Full PDB file with SEQRES, HELIX, SHEET, SSBOND, CRYST1, ORIGX, SCALE, CONECT and MASTER records, all heavy atoms in Angstrom:
SEQRES   1 A   33  TYR ILE ALA TYR THR GLY GLY THR ILE GLY MET MET ARG          
SEQRES   2 A   33  SER ALA HIS GLY TYR VAL PRO ALA PRO GLY PHE LEU ALA          
SEQRES   3 A   33  GLU SER MET GLN GLY MET PRO                                  
HELIX    1 AA1 THR A    8  GLY A   10  5                                   3    
HELIX    2 AA2 PHE A   24  GLN A   30  1                                   7    
SHEET    1 AA1 2 MET A  12  SER A  14  0                                        
SHEET    2 AA1 2 GLY A  17  VAL A  19 -1                                        
CRYST1    1.000    1.000    1.000  90.00  90.00  90.00 P 1           1          
ORIGX1      1.000000  0.000000  0.000000        0.00000                         
ORIGX2      0.000000  1.000000  0.000000        0.00000                         
ORIGX3      0.000000  0.000000  1.000000        0.00000                         
SCALE1      1.000000  0.000000  0.000000        0.00000                         
SCALE2      0.000000  1.000000  0.000000        0.00000                         
SCALE3      0.000000  0.000000  1.000000        0.00000                         
ATOM      1  N   TYR A   1       0.864  -1.190   0.000  1.00  0.00           N  
ATOM      2  CA  TYR A   1       0.000   0.000   0.000  1.00  0.00           C  
ATOM      3  C   TYR A   1       0.899   1.238   0.000  1.00  0.00           C  
ATOM      4  O   TYR A   1       1.771   1.379   0.863  1.00  0.00           O  
ATOM      5  CB  TYR A   1      -0.883  -0.009   1.247  1.00  0.00           C  
ATOM      6  CG  TYR A   1      -1.850   1.153   1.354  1.00  0.00           C  
ATOM      7  CD1 TYR A   1      -3.079   1.109   0.706  1.00  0.00           C  
ATOM      8  CD2 TYR A   1      -1.539   2.278   2.127  1.00  0.00           C  
ATOM      9  CE1 TYR A   1      -3.979   2.159   0.803  1.00  0.00           C  
ATOM     10  CE2 TYR A   1      -2.432   3.329   2.234  1.00  0.00           C  
ATOM     11  CZ  TYR A   1      -3.659   3.270   1.578  1.00  0.00           C  
ATOM     12  OH  TYR A   1      -4.545   4.320   1.678  1.00  0.00           O  
ATOM     13  N   ILE A   2       0.704   2.115  -0.977  1.00  0.00           N  
ATOM     14  CA  ILE A   2       1.471   3.361  -1.058  1.00  0.00           C  
ATOM     15  C   ILE A   2       0.577   4.517  -0.625  1.00  0.00           C  
ATOM     16  O   ILE A   2      -0.445   4.789  -1.260  1.00  0.00           O  
ATOM     17  CB  ILE A   2       1.991   3.635  -2.487  1.00  0.00           C  
ATOM     18  CG1 ILE A   2       2.815   2.451  -3.012  1.00  0.00           C  
ATOM     19  CG2 ILE A   2       2.820   4.920  -2.505  1.00  0.00           C  
ATOM     20  CD1 ILE A   2       3.230   2.617  -4.484  1.00  0.00           C  
ATOM     21  N   ALA A   3       0.956   5.172   0.466  1.00  0.00           N  
ATOM     22  CA  ALA A   3       0.252   6.373   0.929  1.00  0.00           C  
ATOM     23  C   ALA A   3       1.027   7.580   0.392  1.00  0.00           C  
ATOM     24  O   ALA A   3       2.114   7.888   0.878  1.00  0.00           O  
ATOM     25  CB  ALA A   3       0.188   6.403   2.452  1.00  0.00           C  
ATOM     26  N   TYR A   4       0.472   8.203  -0.618  1.00  0.00           N  
ATOM     27  CA  TYR A   4       1.137   9.334  -1.264  1.00  0.00           C  
ATOM     28  C   TYR A   4       0.620  10.632  -0.638  1.00  0.00           C  
ATOM     29  O   TYR A   4      -0.454  11.110  -0.953  1.00  0.00           O  
ATOM     30  CB  TYR A   4       0.882   9.286  -2.772  1.00  0.00           C  
ATOM     31  CG  TYR A   4       1.294  10.505  -3.562  1.00  0.00           C  
ATOM     32  CD1 TYR A   4       2.431  11.248  -3.216  1.00  0.00           C  
ATOM     33  CD2 TYR A   4       0.560  10.912  -4.672  1.00  0.00           C  
ATOM     34  CE1 TYR A   4       2.798  12.366  -3.942  1.00  0.00           C  
ATOM     35  CE2 TYR A   4       0.928  12.026  -5.419  1.00  0.00           C  
ATOM     36  CZ  TYR A   4       2.041  12.754  -5.039  1.00  0.00           C  
ATOM     37  OH  TYR A   4       2.406  13.864  -5.758  1.00  0.00           O  
ATOM     38  N   THR A   5       1.423  11.172   0.275  1.00  0.00           N  
ATOM     39  CA  THR A   5       0.984  12.360   1.028  1.00  0.00           C  
ATOM     40  C   THR A   5       1.328  13.666   0.321  1.00  0.00           C  
ATOM     41  O   THR A   5       0.747  14.708   0.615  1.00  0.00           O  
ATOM     42  CB  THR A   5       1.634  12.385   2.429  1.00  0.00           C  
ATOM     43  OG1 THR A   5       3.040  12.668   2.300  1.00  0.00           O  
ATOM     44  CG2 THR A   5       1.444  11.068   3.160  1.00  0.00           C  
ATOM     45  N   GLY A   6       2.289  13.612  -0.592  1.00  0.00           N  
ATOM     46  CA  GLY A   6       2.752  14.816  -1.286  1.00  0.00           C  
ATOM     47  C   GLY A   6       4.258  14.802  -1.399  1.00  0.00           C  
ATOM     48  O   GLY A   6       4.901  13.762  -1.298  1.00  0.00           O  
ATOM     49  N   GLY A   7       4.832  15.963  -1.611  1.00  0.00           N  
ATOM     50  CA  GLY A   7       6.285  16.063  -1.721  1.00  0.00           C  
ATOM     51  C   GLY A   7       6.752  16.159  -3.161  1.00  0.00           C  
ATOM     52  O   GLY A   7       5.983  16.013  -4.116  1.00  0.00           O  
ATOM     53  N   THR A   8       8.041  16.362  -3.298  1.00  0.00           N  
ATOM     54  CA  THR A   8       8.653  16.595  -4.604  1.00  0.00           C  
ATOM     55  C   THR A   8       8.429  15.434  -5.566  1.00  0.00           C  
ATOM     56  O   THR A   8       8.263  15.647  -6.776  1.00  0.00           O  
ATOM     57  CB  THR A   8      10.177  16.828  -4.420  1.00  0.00           C  
ATOM     58  OG1 THR A   8      10.370  17.994  -3.624  1.00  0.00           O  
ATOM     59  CG2 THR A   8      10.875  17.015  -5.749  1.00  0.00           C  
ATOM     60  N   ILE A   9       8.388  14.204  -5.074  1.00  0.00           N  
ATOM     61  CA  ILE A   9       8.396  13.024  -5.941  1.00  0.00           C  
ATOM     62  C   ILE A   9       7.271  13.040  -6.983  1.00  0.00           C  
ATOM     63  O   ILE A   9       7.450  12.587  -8.106  1.00  0.00           O  
ATOM     64  CB  ILE A   9       8.369  11.721  -5.107  1.00  0.00           C  
ATOM     65  CG1 ILE A   9       8.671  10.507  -5.999  1.00  0.00           C  
ATOM     66  CG2 ILE A   9       7.058  11.559  -4.339  1.00  0.00           C  
ATOM     67  CD1 ILE A   9       9.027   9.245  -5.246  1.00  0.00           C  
ATOM     68  N   GLY A  10       6.113  13.590  -6.638  1.00  0.00           N  
ATOM     69  CA  GLY A  10       4.982  13.568  -7.568  1.00  0.00           C  
ATOM     70  C   GLY A  10       4.700  14.885  -8.250  1.00  0.00           C  
ATOM     71  O   GLY A  10       3.646  15.045  -8.882  1.00  0.00           O  
ATOM     72  N   MET A  11       5.619  15.829  -8.138  1.00  0.00           N  
ATOM     73  CA  MET A  11       5.352  17.159  -8.698  1.00  0.00           C  
ATOM     74  C   MET A  11       5.527  17.198 -10.217  1.00  0.00           C  
ATOM     75  O   MET A  11       6.227  16.382 -10.806  1.00  0.00           O  
ATOM     76  CB  MET A  11       6.255  18.203  -8.030  1.00  0.00           C  
ATOM     77  CG  MET A  11       5.868  18.510  -6.601  1.00  0.00           C  
ATOM     78  SD  MET A  11       6.828  19.884  -5.917  1.00  0.00           S  
ATOM     79  CE  MET A  11       6.065  20.035  -4.301  1.00  0.00           C  
ATOM     80  N   MET A  12       4.878  18.213 -10.816  1.00  0.00           N  
ATOM     81  CA  MET A  12       4.901  18.410 -12.262  1.00  0.00           C  
ATOM     82  C   MET A  12       5.509  19.776 -12.560  1.00  0.00           C  
ATOM     83  O   MET A  12       5.285  20.736 -11.814  1.00  0.00           O  
ATOM     84  CB  MET A  12       3.462  18.333 -12.795  1.00  0.00           C  
ATOM     85  CG  MET A  12       3.314  18.505 -14.283  1.00  0.00           C  
ATOM     86  SD  MET A  12       1.598  18.189 -14.831  1.00  0.00           S  
ATOM     87  CE  MET A  12       0.764  19.609 -14.133  1.00  0.00           C  
ATOM     88  N   ARG A  13       6.236  19.854 -13.662  1.00  0.00           N  
ATOM     89  CA  ARG A  13       6.829  21.134 -14.047  1.00  0.00           C  
ATOM     90  C   ARG A  13       5.751  22.096 -14.530  1.00  0.00           C  
ATOM     91  O   ARG A  13       4.835  21.707 -15.269  1.00  0.00           O  
ATOM     92  CB  ARG A  13       7.867  20.916 -15.152  1.00  0.00           C  
ATOM     93  CG  ARG A  13       8.640  22.192 -15.525  1.00  0.00           C  
ATOM     94  CD  ARG A  13       9.540  21.954 -16.711  1.00  0.00           C  
ATOM     95  NE  ARG A  13      10.666  21.085 -16.414  1.00  0.00           N  
ATOM     96  CZ  ARG A  13      11.788  21.491 -15.820  1.00  0.00           C  
ATOM     97  NH1 ARG A  13      11.921  22.748 -15.422  1.00  0.00           N  
ATOM     98  NH2 ARG A  13      12.765  20.643 -15.594  1.00  0.00           N  
ATOM     99  N   SER A  14       5.855  23.345 -14.080  1.00  0.00           N  
ATOM    100  CA  SER A  14       4.953  24.390 -14.559  1.00  0.00           C  
ATOM    101  C   SER A  14       5.775  25.628 -14.896  1.00  0.00           C  
ATOM    102  O   SER A  14       7.001  25.649 -14.714  1.00  0.00           O  
ATOM    103  CB  SER A  14       3.920  24.736 -13.479  1.00  0.00           C  
ATOM    104  OG  SER A  14       4.510  25.562 -12.473  1.00  0.00           O  
ATOM    105  N   ALA A  15       5.093  26.671 -15.371  1.00  0.00           N  
ATOM    106  CA  ALA A  15       5.784  27.921 -15.696  1.00  0.00           C  
ATOM    107  C   ALA A  15       6.406  28.552 -14.461  1.00  0.00           C  
ATOM    108  O   ALA A  15       7.313  29.384 -14.555  1.00  0.00           O  
ATOM    109  CB  ALA A  15       4.816  28.889 -16.359  1.00  0.00           C  
ATOM    110  N   HIS A  16       5.932  28.162 -13.267  1.00  0.00           N  
ATOM    111  CA  HIS A  16       6.413  28.744 -12.008  1.00  0.00           C  
ATOM    112  C   HIS A  16       7.244  27.749 -11.202  1.00  0.00           C  
ATOM    113  O   HIS A  16       7.365  27.868  -9.989  1.00  0.00           O  
ATOM    114  CB  HIS A  16       5.228  29.237 -11.173  1.00  0.00           C  
ATOM    115  CG  HIS A  16       4.327  30.179 -11.921  1.00  0.00           C  
ATOM    116  ND1 HIS A  16       4.689  31.474 -12.221  1.00  0.00           N  
ATOM    117  CD2 HIS A  16       3.096  29.990 -12.453  1.00  0.00           C  
ATOM    118  CE1 HIS A  16       3.709  32.058 -12.889  1.00  0.00           C  
ATOM    119  NE2 HIS A  16       2.736  31.180 -13.056  1.00  0.00           N  
ATOM    120  N   GLY A  17       7.803  26.741 -11.893  1.00  0.00           N  
ATOM    121  CA  GLY A  17       8.573  25.727 -11.189  1.00  0.00           C  
ATOM    122  C   GLY A  17       7.733  24.489 -10.939  1.00  0.00           C  
ATOM    123  O   GLY A  17       6.623  24.340 -11.467  1.00  0.00           O  
ATOM    124  N   TYR A  18       8.238  23.565 -10.117  1.00  0.00           N  
ATOM    125  CA  TYR A  18       7.529  22.324  -9.835  1.00  0.00           C  
ATOM    126  C   TYR A  18       6.366  22.567  -8.878  1.00  0.00           C  
ATOM    127  O   TYR A  18       6.504  23.284  -7.884  1.00  0.00           O  
ATOM    128  CB  TYR A  18       8.481  21.284  -9.242  1.00  0.00           C  
ATOM    129  CG  TYR A  18       9.469  20.745 -10.249  1.00  0.00           C  
ATOM    130  CD1 TYR A  18      10.834  21.021 -10.135  1.00  0.00           C  
ATOM    131  CD2 TYR A  18       9.035  19.971 -11.317  1.00  0.00           C  
ATOM    132  CE1 TYR A  18      11.738  20.530 -11.072  1.00  0.00           C  
ATOM    133  CE2 TYR A  18       9.936  19.473 -12.255  1.00  0.00           C  
ATOM    134  CZ  TYR A  18      11.277  19.758 -12.123  1.00  0.00           C  
ATOM    135  OH  TYR A  18      12.161  19.275 -13.047  1.00  0.00           O  
ATOM    136  N   VAL A  19       5.210  21.967  -9.195  1.00  0.00           N  
ATOM    137  CA  VAL A  19       4.005  22.150  -8.377  1.00  0.00           C  
ATOM    138  C   VAL A  19       3.334  20.795  -8.158  1.00  0.00           C  
ATOM    139  O   VAL A  19       3.456  19.890  -8.996  1.00  0.00           O  
ATOM    140  CB  VAL A  19       2.996  23.118  -9.050  1.00  0.00           C  
ATOM    141  CG1 VAL A  19       3.556  24.525  -9.139  1.00  0.00           C  
ATOM    142  CG2 VAL A  19       2.587  22.609 -10.433  1.00  0.00           C  
ATOM    143  N   PRO A  20       2.598  20.632  -7.039  1.00  0.00           N  
ATOM    144  CA  PRO A  20       1.816  19.404  -6.850  1.00  0.00           C  
ATOM    145  C   PRO A  20       0.738  19.308  -7.927  1.00  0.00           C  
ATOM    146  O   PRO A  20       0.150  20.320  -8.312  1.00  0.00           O  
ATOM    147  CB  PRO A  20       1.187  19.592  -5.464  1.00  0.00           C  
ATOM    148  CG  PRO A  20       1.947  20.696  -4.818  1.00  0.00           C  
ATOM    149  CD  PRO A  20       2.453  21.571  -5.920  1.00  0.00           C  
ATOM    150  N   ALA A  21       0.482  18.100  -8.411  1.00  0.00           N  
ATOM    151  CA  ALA A  21      -0.512  17.906  -9.465  1.00  0.00           C  
ATOM    152  C   ALA A  21      -1.257  16.600  -9.226  1.00  0.00           C  
ATOM    153  O   ALA A  21      -0.682  15.520  -9.398  1.00  0.00           O  
ATOM    154  CB  ALA A  21       0.160  17.885 -10.830  1.00  0.00           C  
ATOM    155  N   PRO A  22      -2.513  16.663  -8.785  1.00  0.00           N  
ATOM    156  CA  PRO A  22      -3.274  15.440  -8.531  1.00  0.00           C  
ATOM    157  C   PRO A  22      -3.296  14.526  -9.745  1.00  0.00           C  
ATOM    158  O   PRO A  22      -3.490  14.966 -10.879  1.00  0.00           O  
ATOM    159  CB  PRO A  22      -4.683  15.976  -8.210  1.00  0.00           C  
ATOM    160  CG  PRO A  22      -4.452  17.355  -7.672  1.00  0.00           C  
ATOM    161  CD  PRO A  22      -3.281  17.888  -8.457  1.00  0.00           C  
ATOM    162  N   GLY A  23      -3.053  13.238  -9.496  1.00  0.00           N  
ATOM    163  CA  GLY A  23      -3.094  12.235 -10.555  1.00  0.00           C  
ATOM    164  C   GLY A  23      -1.809  12.092 -11.348  1.00  0.00           C  
ATOM    165  O   GLY A  23      -1.629  11.102 -12.078  1.00  0.00           O  
ATOM    166  N   PHE A  24      -0.888  13.040 -11.204  1.00  0.00           N  
ATOM    167  CA  PHE A  24       0.303  13.040 -12.062  1.00  0.00           C  
ATOM    168  C   PHE A  24       1.277  11.927 -11.689  1.00  0.00           C  
ATOM    169  O   PHE A  24       1.914  11.334 -12.562  1.00  0.00           O  
ATOM    170  CB  PHE A  24       0.993  14.407 -11.994  1.00  0.00           C  
ATOM    171  CG  PHE A  24       2.161  14.547 -12.920  1.00  0.00           C  
ATOM    172  CD1 PHE A  24       1.986  14.518 -14.296  1.00  0.00           C  
ATOM    173  CD2 PHE A  24       3.458  14.703 -12.427  1.00  0.00           C  
ATOM    174  CE1 PHE A  24       3.059  14.639 -15.167  1.00  0.00           C  
ATOM    175  CE2 PHE A  24       4.542  14.823 -13.284  1.00  0.00           C  
ATOM    176  CZ  PHE A  24       4.343  14.798 -14.659  1.00  0.00           C  
ATOM    177  N   LEU A  25       1.420  11.619 -10.403  1.00  0.00           N  
ATOM    178  CA  LEU A  25       2.349  10.556  -9.998  1.00  0.00           C  
ATOM    179  C   LEU A  25       1.893   9.209 -10.547  1.00  0.00           C  
ATOM    180  O   LEU A  25       2.701   8.449 -11.099  1.00  0.00           O  
ATOM    181  CB  LEU A  25       2.467  10.490  -8.474  1.00  0.00           C  
ATOM    182  CG  LEU A  25       3.417   9.406  -7.958  1.00  0.00           C  
ATOM    183  CD1 LEU A  25       4.866   9.707  -8.335  1.00  0.00           C  
ATOM    184  CD2 LEU A  25       3.311   9.240  -6.447  1.00  0.00           C  
ATOM    185  N   ALA A  26       0.603   8.901 -10.412  1.00  0.00           N  
ATOM    186  CA  ALA A  26       0.086   7.627 -10.925  1.00  0.00           C  
ATOM    187  C   ALA A  26       0.293   7.524 -12.430  1.00  0.00           C  
ATOM    188  O   ALA A  26       0.705   6.477 -12.955  1.00  0.00           O  
ATOM    189  CB  ALA A  26      -1.402   7.503 -10.586  1.00  0.00           C  
ATOM    190  N   GLU A  27       0.053   8.623 -13.115  1.00  0.00           N  
ATOM    191  CA  GLU A  27       0.240   8.670 -14.568  1.00  0.00           C  
ATOM    192  C   GLU A  27       1.712   8.447 -14.933  1.00  0.00           C  
ATOM    193  O   GLU A  27       2.031   7.699 -15.869  1.00  0.00           O  
ATOM    194  CB  GLU A  27      -0.230  10.045 -15.069  1.00  0.00           C  
ATOM    195  CG  GLU A  27      -0.201  10.247 -16.564  1.00  0.00           C  
ATOM    196  CD  GLU A  27      -0.592  11.675 -16.914  1.00  0.00           C  
ATOM    197  OE1 GLU A  27      -1.624  12.169 -16.410  1.00  0.00           O  
ATOM    198  OE2 GLU A  27       0.168  12.309 -17.670  1.00  0.00           O  
ATOM    199  N   SER A  28       2.611   9.064 -14.172  1.00  0.00           N  
ATOM    200  CA  SER A  28       4.047   8.908 -14.430  1.00  0.00           C  
ATOM    201  C   SER A  28       4.484   7.464 -14.217  1.00  0.00           C  
ATOM    202  O   SER A  28       5.252   6.901 -15.020  1.00  0.00           O  
ATOM    203  CB  SER A  28       4.854   9.833 -13.514  1.00  0.00           C  
ATOM    204  OG  SER A  28       4.513  11.181 -13.731  1.00  0.00           O  
ATOM    205  N   MET A  29       4.001   6.836 -13.142  1.00  0.00           N  
ATOM    206  CA  MET A  29       4.384   5.450 -12.852  1.00  0.00           C  
ATOM    207  C   MET A  29       3.890   4.499 -13.930  1.00  0.00           C  
ATOM    208  O   MET A  29       4.569   3.533 -14.283  1.00  0.00           O  
ATOM    209  CB  MET A  29       3.852   5.038 -11.474  1.00  0.00           C  
ATOM    210  CG  MET A  29       4.545   5.735 -10.312  1.00  0.00           C  
ATOM    211  SD  MET A  29       3.816   5.303  -8.712  1.00  0.00           S  
ATOM    212  CE  MET A  29       4.375   3.600  -8.522  1.00  0.00           C  
ATOM    213  N   GLN A  30       2.709   4.767 -14.469  1.00  0.00           N  
ATOM    214  CA  GLN A  30       2.149   3.892 -15.512  1.00  0.00           C  
ATOM    215  C   GLN A  30       3.014   3.899 -16.771  1.00  0.00           C  
ATOM    216  O   GLN A  30       3.013   2.935 -17.544  1.00  0.00           O  
ATOM    217  CB  GLN A  30       0.719   4.323 -15.841  1.00  0.00           C  
ATOM    218  CG  GLN A  30      -0.275   3.891 -14.777  1.00  0.00           C  
ATOM    219  CD  GLN A  30      -1.603   4.629 -14.869  1.00  0.00           C  
ATOM    220  OE1 GLN A  30      -1.868   5.355 -15.822  1.00  0.00           O  
ATOM    221  NE2 GLN A  30      -2.445   4.444 -13.860  1.00  0.00           N  
ATOM    222  N   GLY A  31       3.765   4.964 -16.967  1.00  0.00           N  
ATOM    223  CA  GLY A  31       4.655   5.046 -18.119  1.00  0.00           C  
ATOM    224  C   GLY A  31       6.036   4.472 -17.858  1.00  0.00           C  
ATOM    225  O   GLY A  31       6.920   4.589 -18.714  1.00  0.00           O  
ATOM    226  N   MET A  32       6.243   3.869 -16.690  1.00  0.00           N  
ATOM    227  CA  MET A  32       7.553   3.320 -16.323  1.00  0.00           C  
ATOM    228  C   MET A  32       7.423   1.816 -16.108  1.00  0.00           C  
ATOM    229  O   MET A  32       6.966   1.361 -15.055  1.00  0.00           O  
ATOM    230  CB  MET A  32       8.070   3.999 -15.041  1.00  0.00           C  
ATOM    231  CG  MET A  32       8.335   5.481 -15.222  1.00  0.00           C  
ATOM    232  SD  MET A  32       8.850   6.296 -13.682  1.00  0.00           S  
ATOM    233  CE  MET A  32       9.214   7.942 -14.299  1.00  0.00           C  
ATOM    234  N   PRO A  33       7.827   1.009 -17.106  1.00  0.00           N  
ATOM    235  CA  PRO A  33       7.623  -0.451 -17.014  1.00  0.00           C  
ATOM    236  C   PRO A  33       8.365  -1.103 -15.857  1.00  0.00           C  
ATOM    237  O   PRO A  33       7.994  -2.198 -15.419  1.00  0.00           O  
ATOM    238  CB  PRO A  33       8.144  -0.962 -18.370  1.00  0.00           C  
ATOM    239  CG  PRO A  33       8.960   0.147 -18.948  1.00  0.00           C  
ATOM    240  CD  PRO A  33       8.414   1.421 -18.393  1.00  0.00           C  
TER     241      PRO A  33                                                      
MASTER        0    0    0    2    2    0    0    6  240    1    0    3          
END                                                                             
């Protein structure tokens, strides 16, 4: 069970630097075999 509370690991690049983005970590992992 992975409890994803936040932090840099799941952030997405934006025009203002890295920001939290709901759903982005799961999407990133799905692209990593």
